[in-house]
Amino acid sequence: MEKKLAVANMPKADPQLREYLKARIYSNVLVFHPNDPGYLLPKDWDHGPVDKSVLGETYPFKGPDSVAWNWKEAMEGK
């Protein structure tokens, strides 16, 4: 559900929040979802790489095993 809320809020979010939401999506895909071709479609979840310069010092990940700055990193090992 967090991913759906993030996608819904991205268009109206300020730039820093938008980058934070992208990072949260990628982190959740990396940690919580197996490779399911019917669910993990790039068209639904790939919003481009996180722009770290816009994100600033905000850290969006819960731990070192949940770091994914783009779709490719989120899908590694799936």
PDB file of N, CA and C in Angstrom:
ATOM      1  N   MET A   1       0.816  -1.186   0.000  1.00  0.00           N
ATOM      2  CA  MET A   1       0.000   0.000   0.000  1.00  0.00           C
ATOM      3  C   MET A   1       0.868   1.261   0.000  1.00  0.00           C
ATOM      4  N   GLU A   2       2.017   1.186   0.680  1.00  0.00           N
ATOM      5  CA  GLU A   2       2.907   2.352   0.718  1.00  0.00           C
ATOM      6  C   GLU A   2       3.326   2.767  -0.697  1.00  0.00           C
ATOM      7  N   LYS A   3       3.591   1.787  -1.552  1.00  0.00           N
ATOM      8  CA  LYS A   3       3.997   2.106  -2.929  1.00  0.00           C
ATOM      9  C   LYS A   3       2.877   2.795  -3.686  1.00  0.00           C
ATOM     10  N   LYS A   4       1.658   2.336  -3.524  1.00  0.00           N
ATOM     11  CA  LYS A   4       0.524   2.955  -4.223  1.00  0.00           C
ATOM     12  C   LYS A   4       0.314   4.393  -3.757  1.00  0.00           C
ATOM     13  N   LEU A   5       0.450   4.639  -2.461  1.00  0.00           N
ATOM     14  CA  LEU A   5       0.330   6.000  -1.942  1.00  0.00           C
ATOM     15  C   LEU A   5       1.456   6.892  -2.475  1.00  0.00           C
ATOM     16  N   ALA A   6       2.649   6.345  -2.534  1.00  0.00           N
ATOM     17  CA  ALA A   6       3.784   7.121  -3.043  1.00  0.00           C
ATOM     18  C   ALA A   6       3.564   7.512  -4.501  1.00  0.00           C
ATOM     19  N   VAL A   7       3.135   6.580  -5.313  1.00  0.00           N
ATOM     20  CA  VAL A   7       2.893   6.866  -6.729  1.00  0.00           C
ATOM     21  C   VAL A   7       1.784   7.907  -6.882  1.00  0.00           C
ATOM     22  N   ALA A   8       0.740   7.791  -6.096  1.00  0.00           N
ATOM     23  CA  ALA A   8      -0.377   8.736  -6.184  1.00  0.00           C
ATOM     24  C   ALA A   8       0.029  10.150  -5.778  1.00  0.00           C
ATOM     25  N   ASN A   9       0.956  10.271  -4.849  1.00  0.00           N
ATOM     26  CA  ASN A   9       1.359  11.584  -4.351  1.00  0.00           C
ATOM     27  C   ASN A   9       2.528  12.212  -5.096  1.00  0.00           C
ATOM     28  N   MET A  10       3.251  11.436  -5.874  1.00  0.00           N
ATOM     29  CA  MET A  10       4.428  11.978  -6.563  1.00  0.00           C
ATOM     30  C   MET A  10       4.146  13.179  -7.469  1.00  0.00           C
ATOM     31  N   PRO A  11       3.105  13.165  -8.278  1.00  0.00           N
ATOM     32  CA  PRO A  11       2.896  14.298  -9.192  1.00  0.00           C
ATOM     33  C   PRO A  11       2.696  15.643  -8.496  1.00  0.00           C
ATOM     34  N   LYS A  12       2.145  15.642  -7.310  1.00  0.00           N
ATOM     35  CA  LYS A  12       1.873  16.905  -6.620  1.00  0.00           C
ATOM     36  C   LYS A  12       2.884  17.220  -5.519  1.00  0.00           C
ATOM     37  N   ALA A  13       3.866  16.360  -5.345  1.00  0.00           N
ATOM     38  CA  ALA A  13       4.855  16.549  -4.283  1.00  0.00           C
ATOM     39  C   ALA A  13       5.943  17.531  -4.701  1.00  0.00           C
ATOM     40  N   ASP A  14       6.537  18.186  -3.700  1.00  0.00           N
ATOM     41  CA  ASP A  14       7.679  19.041  -4.003  1.00  0.00           C
ATOM     42  C   ASP A  14       8.848  18.130  -4.409  1.00  0.00           C
ATOM     43  N   PRO A  15       9.868  18.664  -5.056  1.00  0.00           N
ATOM     44  CA  PRO A  15      10.949  17.830  -5.597  1.00  0.00           C
ATOM     45  C   PRO A  15      11.631  16.917  -4.577  1.00  0.00           C
ATOM     46  N   GLN A  16      11.918  17.422  -3.376  1.00  0.00           N
ATOM     47  CA  GLN A  16      12.599  16.582  -2.397  1.00  0.00           C
ATOM     48  C   GLN A  16      11.710  15.421  -1.956  1.00  0.00           C
ATOM     49  N   LEU A  17      10.446  15.686  -1.710  1.00  0.00           N
ATOM     50  CA  LEU A  17       9.533  14.618  -1.323  1.00  0.00           C
ATOM     51  C   LEU A  17       9.369  13.613  -2.452  1.00  0.00           C
ATOM     52  N   ARG A  18       9.318  14.076  -3.690  1.00  0.00           N
ATOM     53  CA  ARG A  18       9.196  13.172  -4.831  1.00  0.00           C
ATOM     54  C   ARG A  18      10.386  12.196  -4.874  1.00  0.00           C
ATOM     55  N   GLU A  19      11.583  12.687  -4.654  1.00  0.00           N
ATOM     56  CA  GLU A  19      12.767  11.814  -4.665  1.00  0.00           C
ATOM     57  C   GLU A  19      12.724  10.837  -3.487  1.00  0.00           C
ATOM     58  N   TYR A  20      12.255  11.294  -2.348  1.00  0.00           N
ATOM     59  CA  TYR A  20      12.102  10.427  -1.184  1.00  0.00           C
ATOM     60  C   TYR A  20      11.113   9.296  -1.495  1.00  0.00           C
ATOM     61  N   LEU A  21       9.996   9.634  -2.092  1.00  0.00           N
ATOM     62  CA  LEU A  21       8.979   8.628  -2.421  1.00  0.00           C
ATOM     63  C   LEU A  21       9.510   7.604  -3.418  1.00  0.00           C
ATOM     64  N   LYS A  22      10.276   8.048  -4.403  1.00  0.00           N
ATOM     65  CA  LYS A  22      10.880   7.103  -5.356  1.00  0.00           C
ATOM     66  C   LYS A  22      11.798   6.129  -4.618  1.00  0.00           C
ATOM     67  N   ALA A  23      12.616   6.653  -3.722  1.00  0.00           N
ATOM     68  CA  ALA A  23      13.538   5.795  -2.966  1.00  0.00           C
ATOM     69  C   ALA A  23      12.777   4.790  -2.114  1.00  0.00           C
ATOM     70  N   ARG A  24      11.673   5.204  -1.512  1.00  0.00           N
ATOM     71  CA  ARG A  24      10.869   4.284  -0.702  1.00  0.00           C
ATOM     72  C   ARG A  24      10.267   3.181  -1.575  1.00  0.00           C
ATOM     73  N   ILE A  25       9.791   3.532  -2.754  1.00  0.00           N
ATOM     74  CA  ILE A  25       9.248   2.525  -3.673  1.00  0.00           C
ATOM     75  C   ILE A  25      10.319   1.492  -3.988  1.00  0.00           C
ATOM     76  N   TYR A  26      11.494   1.956  -4.402  1.00  0.00           N
ATOM     77  CA  TYR A  26      12.565   1.029  -4.784  1.00  0.00           C
ATOM     78  C   TYR A  26      13.002   0.170  -3.602  1.00  0.00           C
ATOM     79  N   SER A  27      13.069   0.752  -2.422  1.00  0.00           N
ATOM     80  CA  SER A  27      13.445   0.007  -1.231  1.00  0.00           C
ATOM     81  C   SER A  27      12.430  -1.095  -0.937  1.00  0.00           C
ATOM     82  N   ASN A  28      11.164  -0.775  -1.011  1.00  0.00           N
ATOM     83  CA  ASN A  28      10.125  -1.770  -0.737  1.00  0.00           C
ATOM     84  C   ASN A  28      10.119  -2.887  -1.768  1.00  0.00           C
ATOM     85  N   VAL A  29      10.336  -2.547  -3.019  1.00  0.00           N
ATOM     86  CA  VAL A  29      10.414  -3.580  -4.055  1.00  0.00           C
ATOM     87  C   VAL A  29      11.588  -4.503  -3.762  1.00  0.00           C
ATOM     88  N   LEU A  30      12.735  -3.934  -3.439  1.00  0.00           N
ATOM     89  CA  LEU A  30      13.934  -4.716  -3.148  1.00  0.00           C
ATOM     90  C   LEU A  30      13.719  -5.675  -1.986  1.00  0.00           C
ATOM     91  N   VAL A  31      13.133  -5.195  -0.913  1.00  0.00           N
ATOM     92  CA  VAL A  31      13.040  -5.963   0.328  1.00  0.00           C
ATOM     93  C   VAL A  31      11.842  -6.900   0.380  1.00  0.00           C
ATOM     94  N   PHE A  32      10.700  -6.441  -0.083  1.00  0.00           N
ATOM     95  CA  PHE A  32       9.472  -7.178   0.198  1.00  0.00           C
ATOM     96  C   PHE A  32       8.871  -7.986  -0.944  1.00  0.00           C
ATOM     97  N   HIS A  33       9.305  -7.777  -2.171  1.00  0.00           N
ATOM     98  CA  HIS A  33       8.594  -8.415  -3.272  1.00  0.00           C
ATOM     99  C   HIS A  33       9.455  -9.381  -4.069  1.00  0.00           C
ATOM    100  N   PRO A  34       8.963 -10.595  -4.239  1.00  0.00           N
ATOM    101  CA  PRO A  34       9.642 -11.539  -5.124  1.00  0.00           C
ATOM    102  C   PRO A  34       9.422 -11.100  -6.572  1.00  0.00           C
ATOM    103  N   ASN A  35      10.146 -11.695  -7.461  1.00  0.00           N
ATOM    104  CA  ASN A  35       9.985 -11.359  -8.869  1.00  0.00           C
ATOM    105  C   ASN A  35       8.677 -11.951  -9.376  1.00  0.00           C
ATOM    106  N   ASP A  36       7.690 -11.127  -9.518  1.00  0.00           N
ATOM    107  CA  ASP A  36       6.384 -11.536 -10.019  1.00  0.00           C
ATOM    108  C   ASP A  36       6.082 -10.686 -11.245  1.00  0.00           C
ATOM    109  N   PRO A  37       6.207 -11.271 -12.436  1.00  0.00           N
ATOM    110  CA  PRO A  37       6.039 -10.486 -13.663  1.00  0.00           C
ATOM    111  C   PRO A  37       4.690  -9.758 -13.757  1.00  0.00           C
ATOM    112  N   GLY A  38       3.671 -10.272 -13.109  1.00  0.00           N
ATOM    113  CA  GLY A  38       2.371  -9.617 -13.173  1.00  0.00           C
ATOM    114  C   GLY A  38       2.245  -8.442 -12.224  1.00  0.00           C
ATOM    115  N   TYR A  39       3.149  -8.352 -11.272  1.00  0.00           N
ATOM    116  CA  TYR A  39       3.054  -7.298 -10.255  1.00  0.00           C
ATOM    117  C   TYR A  39       4.165  -6.259 -10.380  1.00  0.00           C
ATOM    118  N   LEU A  40       5.380  -6.708 -10.596  1.00  0.00           N
ATOM    119  CA  LEU A  40       6.515  -5.795 -10.639  1.00  0.00           C
ATOM    120  C   LEU A  40       6.813  -5.337 -12.060  1.00  0.00           C
ATOM    121  N   LEU A  41       5.896  -4.586 -12.613  1.00  0.00           N
ATOM    122  CA  LEU A  41       6.070  -4.067 -13.962  1.00  0.00           C
ATOM    123  C   LEU A  41       6.742  -2.699 -13.892  1.00  0.00           C
ATOM    124  N   PRO A  42       7.809  -2.495 -14.668  1.00  0.00           N
ATOM    125  CA  PRO A  42       8.484  -1.202 -14.645  1.00  0.00           C
ATOM    126  C   PRO A  42       7.535  -0.031 -14.905  1.00  0.00           C
ATOM    127  N   LYS A  43       6.548  -0.223 -15.756  1.00  0.00           N
ATOM    128  CA  LYS A  43       5.638   0.883 -16.080  1.00  0.00           C
ATOM    129  C   LYS A  43       4.870   1.375 -14.851  1.00  0.00           C
ATOM    130  N   ASP A  44       4.716   0.513 -13.850  1.00  0.00           N
ATOM    131  CA  ASP A  44       4.003   0.881 -12.634  1.00  0.00           C
ATOM    132  C   ASP A  44       4.914   1.468 -11.559  1.00  0.00           C
ATOM    133  N   TRP A  45       6.174   1.019 -11.498  1.00  0.00           N
ATOM    134  CA  TRP A  45       7.023   1.344 -10.358  1.00  0.00           C
ATOM    135  C   TRP A  45       8.325   2.052 -10.700  1.00  0.00           C
ATOM    136  N   ASP A  46       8.762   2.047 -11.949  1.00  0.00           N
ATOM    137  CA  ASP A  46      10.027   2.683 -12.316  1.00  0.00           C
ATOM    138  C   ASP A  46       9.785   4.159 -12.621  1.00  0.00           C
ATOM    139  N   HIS A  47      10.289   5.025 -11.761  1.00  0.00           N
ATOM    140  CA  HIS A  47      10.100   6.469 -11.916  1.00  0.00           C
ATOM    141  C   HIS A  47      11.421   7.191 -12.127  1.00  0.00           C
ATOM    142  N   GLY A  48      12.401   6.461 -12.635  1.00  0.00           N
ATOM    143  CA  GLY A  48      13.710   7.041 -12.879  1.00  0.00           C
ATOM    144  C   GLY A  48      14.565   6.998 -11.622  1.00  0.00           C
ATOM    145  N   PRO A  49      15.852   7.230 -11.786  1.00  0.00           N
ATOM    146  CA  PRO A  49      16.748   7.183 -10.630  1.00  0.00           C
ATOM    147  C   PRO A  49      16.462   8.315  -9.647  1.00  0.00           C
ATOM    148  N   VAL A  50      16.761   8.065  -8.397  1.00  0.00           N
ATOM    149  CA  VAL A  50      16.612   9.080  -7.359  1.00  0.00           C
ATOM    150  C   VAL A  50      17.722  10.114  -7.551  1.00  0.00           C
ATOM    151  N   ASP A  51      17.347  11.371  -7.582  1.00  0.00           N
ATOM    152  CA  ASP A  51      18.321  12.462  -7.686  1.00  0.00           C
ATOM    153  C   ASP A  51      18.780  12.806  -6.271  1.00  0.00           C
ATOM    154  N   LYS A  52      19.945  12.289  -5.898  1.00  0.00           N
ATOM    155  CA  LYS A  52      20.449  12.467  -4.539  1.00  0.00           C
ATOM    156  C   LYS A  52      20.729  13.929  -4.213  1.00  0.00           C
ATOM    157  N   SER A  53      21.043  14.731  -5.220  1.00  0.00           N
ATOM    158  CA  SER A  53      21.309  16.149  -4.949  1.00  0.00           C
ATOM    159  C   SER A  53      20.023  16.879  -4.538  1.00  0.00           C
ATOM    160  N   VAL A  54      18.880  16.445  -5.052  1.00  0.00           N
ATOM    161  CA  VAL A  54      17.592  17.029  -4.669  1.00  0.00           C
ATOM    162  C   VAL A  54      17.142  16.462  -3.321  1.00  0.00           C
ATOM    163  N   LEU A  55      17.402  15.192  -3.098  1.00  0.00           N
ATOM    164  CA  LEU A  55      17.018  14.541  -1.839  1.00  0.00           C
ATOM    165  C   LEU A  55      17.753  15.169  -0.656  1.00  0.00           C
ATOM    166  N   GLY A  56      18.964  15.609  -0.899  1.00  0.00           N
ATOM    167  CA  GLY A  56      19.735  16.246   0.172  1.00  0.00           C
ATOM    168  C   GLY A  56      20.176  15.244   1.219  1.00  0.00           C
ATOM    169  N   GLU A  57      20.113  15.633   2.481  1.00  0.00           N
ATOM    170  CA  GLU A  57      20.588  14.786   3.566  1.00  0.00           C
ATOM    171  C   GLU A  57      19.509  13.851   4.114  1.00  0.00           C
ATOM    172  N   THR A  58      18.343  13.870   3.522  1.00  0.00           N
ATOM    173  CA  THR A  58      17.269  12.982   3.955  1.00  0.00           C
ATOM    174  C   THR A  58      17.620  11.554   3.560  1.00  0.00           C
ATOM    175  N   TYR A  59      17.577  10.640   4.500  1.00  0.00           N
ATOM    176  CA  TYR A  59      17.907   9.238   4.235  1.00  0.00           C
ATOM    177  C   TYR A  59      16.604   8.434   4.213  1.00  0.00           C
ATOM    178  N   PRO A  60      16.259   7.844   3.064  1.00  0.00           N
ATOM    179  CA  PRO A  60      14.954   7.198   2.915  1.00  0.00           C
ATOM    180  C   PRO A  60      14.884   5.710   3.260  1.00  0.00           C
ATOM    181  N   PHE A  61      15.998   5.108   3.643  1.00  0.00           N
ATOM    182  CA  PHE A  61      16.020   3.661   3.819  1.00  0.00           C
ATOM    183  C   PHE A  61      16.021   3.267   5.288  1.00  0.00           C
ATOM    184  N   LYS A  62      15.462   2.083   5.575  1.00  0.00           N
ATOM    185  CA  LYS A  62      15.365   1.621   6.957  1.00  0.00           C
ATOM    186  C   LYS A  62      16.639   0.927   7.426  1.00  0.00           C
ATOM    187  N   GLY A  63      17.459   0.491   6.505  1.00  0.00           N
ATOM    188  CA  GLY A  63      18.694  -0.183   6.887  1.00  0.00           C
ATOM    189  C   GLY A  63      19.568  -0.439   5.677  1.00  0.00           C
ATOM    190  N   PRO A  64      20.771  -0.959   5.905  1.00  0.00           N
ATOM    191  CA  PRO A  64      21.718  -1.143   4.797  1.00  0.00           C
ATOM    192  C   PRO A  64      21.276  -2.171   3.762  1.00  0.00           C
ATOM    193  N   ASP A  65      20.380  -3.068   4.124  1.00  0.00           N
ATOM    194  CA  ASP A  65      19.921  -4.090   3.178  1.00  0.00           C
ATOM    195  C   ASP A  65      18.736  -3.627   2.337  1.00  0.00           C
ATOM    196  N   SER A  66      18.316  -2.384   2.509  1.00  0.00           N
ATOM    197  CA  SER A  66      17.149  -1.901   1.770  1.00  0.00           C
ATOM    198  C   SER A  66      17.485  -0.733   0.845  1.00  0.00           C
ATOM    199  N   VAL A  67      18.768  -0.539   0.535  1.00  0.00           N
ATOM    200  CA  VAL A  67      19.194   0.598  -0.282  1.00  0.00           C
ATOM    201  C   VAL A  67      19.037   0.283  -1.768  1.00  0.00           C
ATOM    202  N   ALA A  68      18.213   1.064  -2.444  1.00  0.00           N
ATOM    203  CA  ALA A  68      18.037   0.953  -3.897  1.00  0.00           C
ATOM    204  C   ALA A  68      17.736   2.351  -4.429  1.00  0.00           C
ATOM    205  N   TRP A  69      18.637   2.889  -5.225  1.00  0.00           N
ATOM    206  CA  TRP A  69      18.492   4.263  -5.736  1.00  0.00           C
ATOM    207  C   TRP A  69      17.815   4.321  -7.101  1.00  0.00           C
ATOM    208  N   ASN A  70      17.528   3.145  -7.691  1.00  0.00           N
ATOM    209  CA  ASN A  70      16.873   3.111  -9.000  1.00  0.00           C
ATOM    210  C   ASN A  70      16.208   1.748  -9.192  1.00  0.00           C
ATOM    211  N   TRP A  71      15.469   1.618 -10.283  1.00  0.00           N
ATOM    212  CA  TRP A  71      14.723   0.389 -10.552  1.00  0.00           C
ATOM    213  C   TRP A  71      15.648  -0.811 -10.709  1.00  0.00           C
ATOM    214  N   LYS A  72      16.771  -0.616 -11.392  1.00  0.00           N
ATOM    215  CA  LYS A  72      17.703  -1.730 -11.618  1.00  0.00           C
ATOM    216  C   LYS A  72      18.199  -2.290 -10.283  1.00  0.00           C
ATOM    217  N   GLU A  73      18.578  -1.411  -9.362  1.00  0.00           N
ATOM    218  CA  GLU A  73      19.034  -1.875  -8.044  1.00  0.00           C
ATOM    219  C   GLU A  73      17.893  -2.544  -7.287  1.00  0.00           C
ATOM    220  N   ALA A  74      16.688  -2.048  -7.408  1.00  0.00           N
ATOM    221  CA  ALA A  74      15.538  -2.647  -6.715  1.00  0.00           C
ATOM    222  C   ALA A  74      15.265  -4.062  -7.209  1.00  0.00           C
ATOM    223  N   MET A  75      15.574  -4.317  -8.463  1.00  0.00           N
ATOM    224  CA  MET A  75      15.275  -5.627  -9.050  1.00  0.00           C
ATOM    225  C   MET A  75      16.447  -6.612  -9.015  1.00  0.00           C
ATOM    226  N   GLU A  76      17.586  -6.196  -8.482  1.00  0.00           N
ATOM    227  CA  GLU A  76      18.740  -7.096  -8.420  1.00  0.00           C
ATOM    228  C   GLU A  76      18.413  -8.340  -7.622  1.00  0.00           C
ATOM    229  N   GLY A  77      18.766  -9.489  -8.179  1.00  0.00           N
ATOM    230  CA  GLY A  77      18.553 -10.753  -7.495  1.00  0.00           C
ATOM    231  C   GLY A  77      17.144 -11.310  -7.600  1.00  0.00           C
ATOM    232  N   LYS A  78      16.312 -10.674  -8.368  1.00  0.00           N
ATOM    233  CA  LYS A  78      14.934 -11.165  -8.498  1.00  0.00           C
ATOM    234  C   LYS A  78      14.785 -11.986  -9.746  1.00  0.00           C
TER     235      LYS A  78
END
